[in-house]
Amino acid sequence: MLKINIGRSLKVGEPNYGSKGASVHFEVEVDHGLAEQPQALRQKIRELFVQAAAAVREELHGPDTNGSHRPAANGHQRTQRLATSSQVRAIHAIANRQRTNLSELLQELGIGRLEELSIISASELIDRLKSTQNIGGDPC
């Protein structure tokens, strides 16, 4: 058997300089023959990351009903603003500049389209992409 360890963590800002975070880590055993099939192995890992990301998001925000409404911490429904068109354009621009596969990134986040992101999640993604860009030593 081959073991795959997957972990996903996310921290989100809250009012008054607070924050909350969640993480999930799990280990699965798969057939050792998967190691000889790199594409199938990467697909399995990608699927596991998507599940982990969805679990973390649900822990922080509650079940996603339609992309724009999520239960608040007190259990009442609240509207969460969706990503702005400027944020969506910025994410596309940064991803293109970095040659980031946007489809894979969206799959990792467990969403189909950037427009499904909340305004806060879009901001966090922009920060994440920018920090990745800076790690490579490439000037912004």
Protein backbone atom coordinates (compact mmCIF):
# COMPACT_ATOMS: atom_id res chain seq x y z
CA MET A 1 0.00 0.00 0.00
CA LEU A 2 1.00 3.58 -0.71
CA LYS A 3 0.13 6.27 1.86
CA ILE A 4 -0.85 9.78 0.87
CA ASN A 5 -0.89 12.50 3.54
CA ILE A 6 -2.93 15.60 2.74
CA GLY A 7 -3.34 18.74 4.79
CA ARG A 8 -5.14 22.01 4.26
CA SER A 9 -5.26 25.05 6.53
CA LEU A 10 -6.95 28.40 6.16
CA LYS A 11 -7.04 31.48 8.34
CA VAL A 12 -9.54 34.27 7.73
CA GLY A 13 -9.69 37.76 9.15
CA GLU A 14 -12.55 38.92 11.31
CA PRO A 15 -13.66 42.34 12.56
CA ASN A 16 -11.53 44.15 15.12
CA TYR A 17 -8.30 42.55 13.92
CA GLY A 18 -9.43 39.08 14.91
CA SER A 19 -9.06 35.91 12.93
CA LYS A 20 -10.18 32.33 12.95
CA GLY A 21 -8.67 29.33 11.33
CA ALA A 22 -9.31 25.71 10.54
CA SER A 23 -7.21 22.88 9.26
CA VAL A 24 -7.74 19.31 8.22
CA HIS A 25 -5.15 16.61 7.72
CA PHE A 26 -5.76 13.06 6.70
CA GLU A 27 -3.90 10.02 5.49
CA VAL A 28 -5.23 7.54 2.95
CA GLU A 29 -3.86 4.30 1.65
CA VAL A 30 -4.03 3.60 -2.06
CA ASP A 31 -2.81 0.74 -4.20
CA HIS A 32 0.98 0.89 -4.62
CA GLY A 33 0.51 0.52 -8.39
CA LEU A 34 -0.71 4.11 -8.44
CA ALA A 35 2.91 5.21 -7.91
CA GLU A 36 3.68 3.88 -11.38
CA GLN A 37 0.91 6.00 -12.92
CA PRO A 38 2.01 9.62 -12.30
CA GLN A 39 -1.06 11.20 -13.93
CA ALA A 40 -3.49 9.04 -11.96
CA LEU A 41 -1.53 9.69 -8.76
CA ARG A 42 -1.61 13.47 -9.30
CA GLN A 43 -5.35 13.29 -10.01
CA LYS A 44 -5.95 11.36 -6.77
CA ILE A 45 -3.90 13.91 -4.81
CA ARG A 46 -5.80 16.78 -6.48
CA GLU A 47 -9.14 15.15 -5.53
CA LEU A 48 -7.99 14.79 -1.93
CA PHE A 49 -6.91 18.44 -1.78
CA VAL A 50 -10.30 19.51 -3.12
CA GLN A 51 -12.02 17.50 -0.37
CA ALA A 52 -9.72 18.96 2.27
CA ALA A 53 -10.27 22.52 1.01
CA ALA A 54 -14.04 22.03 1.03
CA ALA A 55 -13.94 20.66 4.59
CA VAL A 56 -11.90 23.63 5.83
CA ARG A 57 -14.14 26.14 4.05
CA GLU A 58 -17.25 24.49 5.48
CA GLU A 59 -15.75 24.55 8.96
CA LEU A 60 -15.04 28.27 8.71
CA HIS A 61 -18.12 29.44 6.81
CA GLY A 62 -20.74 26.71 7.13
CA PRO A 63 -22.22 24.79 4.21
CA ASP A 64 -22.18 26.75 0.96
CA THR A 65 -25.73 26.95 -0.34
CA ASN A 66 -25.47 28.96 -3.54
CA GLY A 67 -22.12 30.72 -3.47
CA SER A 68 -23.37 33.97 -1.99
CA HIS A 69 -25.10 33.08 1.29
CA ARG A 70 -23.41 31.33 4.17
CA PRO A 71 -24.59 30.95 7.76
CA ALA A 72 -23.04 33.34 10.22
CA ALA A 73 -21.40 32.07 13.39
CA ASN A 74 -24.64 32.66 15.31
CA GLY A 75 -26.54 30.41 12.88
CA HIS A 76 -28.41 33.24 11.17
CA GLN A 77 -28.19 33.61 7.42
CA ARG A 78 -26.03 36.50 6.21
CA THR A 79 -25.21 37.69 2.75
CA GLN A 80 -21.55 37.51 1.84
CA ARG A 81 -20.56 39.82 -1.01
CA LEU A 82 -19.09 38.11 -4.02
CA ALA A 83 -15.76 38.95 -5.64
CA THR A 84 -15.69 42.23 -7.53
CA SER A 85 -14.97 42.34 -11.26
CA SER A 86 -11.71 44.14 -10.42
CA GLN A 87 -10.65 41.27 -8.16
CA VAL A 88 -11.51 38.70 -10.82
CA ARG A 89 -9.50 40.65 -13.44
CA ALA A 90 -6.55 40.95 -11.01
CA ILE A 91 -6.55 37.21 -10.31
CA HIS A 92 -6.61 36.46 -14.04
CA ALA A 93 -3.76 38.93 -14.68
CA ILE A 94 -1.54 37.62 -11.88
CA ALA A 95 -2.23 33.98 -12.80
CA ASN A 96 -1.42 34.67 -16.47
CA ARG A 97 1.77 36.52 -15.55
CA GLN A 98 2.87 33.60 -13.37
CA ARG A 99 1.69 30.99 -15.87
CA THR A 100 -0.48 29.51 -13.11
CA ASN A 101 -3.03 26.95 -14.27
CA LEU A 102 -6.20 28.72 -13.19
CA SER A 103 -8.37 25.62 -13.77
CA GLU A 104 -6.28 23.59 -11.32
CA LEU A 105 -6.30 26.45 -8.83
CA LEU A 106 -10.10 26.69 -8.99
CA GLN A 107 -10.37 22.93 -8.56
CA GLU A 108 -8.08 23.13 -5.52
CA LEU A 109 -10.36 25.80 -4.07
CA GLY A 110 -13.41 23.68 -4.81
CA ILE A 111 -15.10 26.26 -7.05
CA GLY A 112 -16.03 26.33 -10.72
CA ARG A 113 -15.57 30.05 -11.44
CA LEU A 114 -13.70 32.92 -9.81
CA GLU A 115 -16.96 34.84 -9.58
CA GLU A 116 -18.11 32.30 -6.95
CA LEU A 117 -15.47 33.53 -4.49
CA SER A 118 -16.50 35.86 -1.71
CA ILE A 119 -14.91 39.29 -1.74
CA ILE A 120 -12.77 38.23 1.24
CA SER A 121 -11.68 34.94 -0.35
CA ALA A 122 -10.80 36.76 -3.57
CA SER A 123 -8.64 39.20 -1.61
CA GLU A 124 -6.91 36.31 0.16
CA LEU A 125 -6.29 34.57 -3.17
CA ILE A 126 -4.76 37.74 -4.63
CA ASP A 127 -2.46 37.99 -1.61
CA ARG A 128 -1.55 34.30 -1.95
CA LEU A 129 -0.75 34.68 -5.65
CA LYS A 130 1.31 37.81 -5.00
CA SER A 131 3.29 36.11 -2.22
CA THR A 132 3.98 33.13 -4.51
CA GLN A 133 5.18 35.56 -7.15
CA ASN A 134 7.58 37.20 -4.70
CA ILE A 135 9.03 33.89 -3.52
CA GLY A 136 10.45 33.27 -6.98
CA GLY A 137 12.36 36.54 -6.79
CA ASP A 138 10.38 37.93 -9.70
CA PRO A 139 9.64 41.63 -9.06
CA CYS A 140 5.98 42.65 -8.92
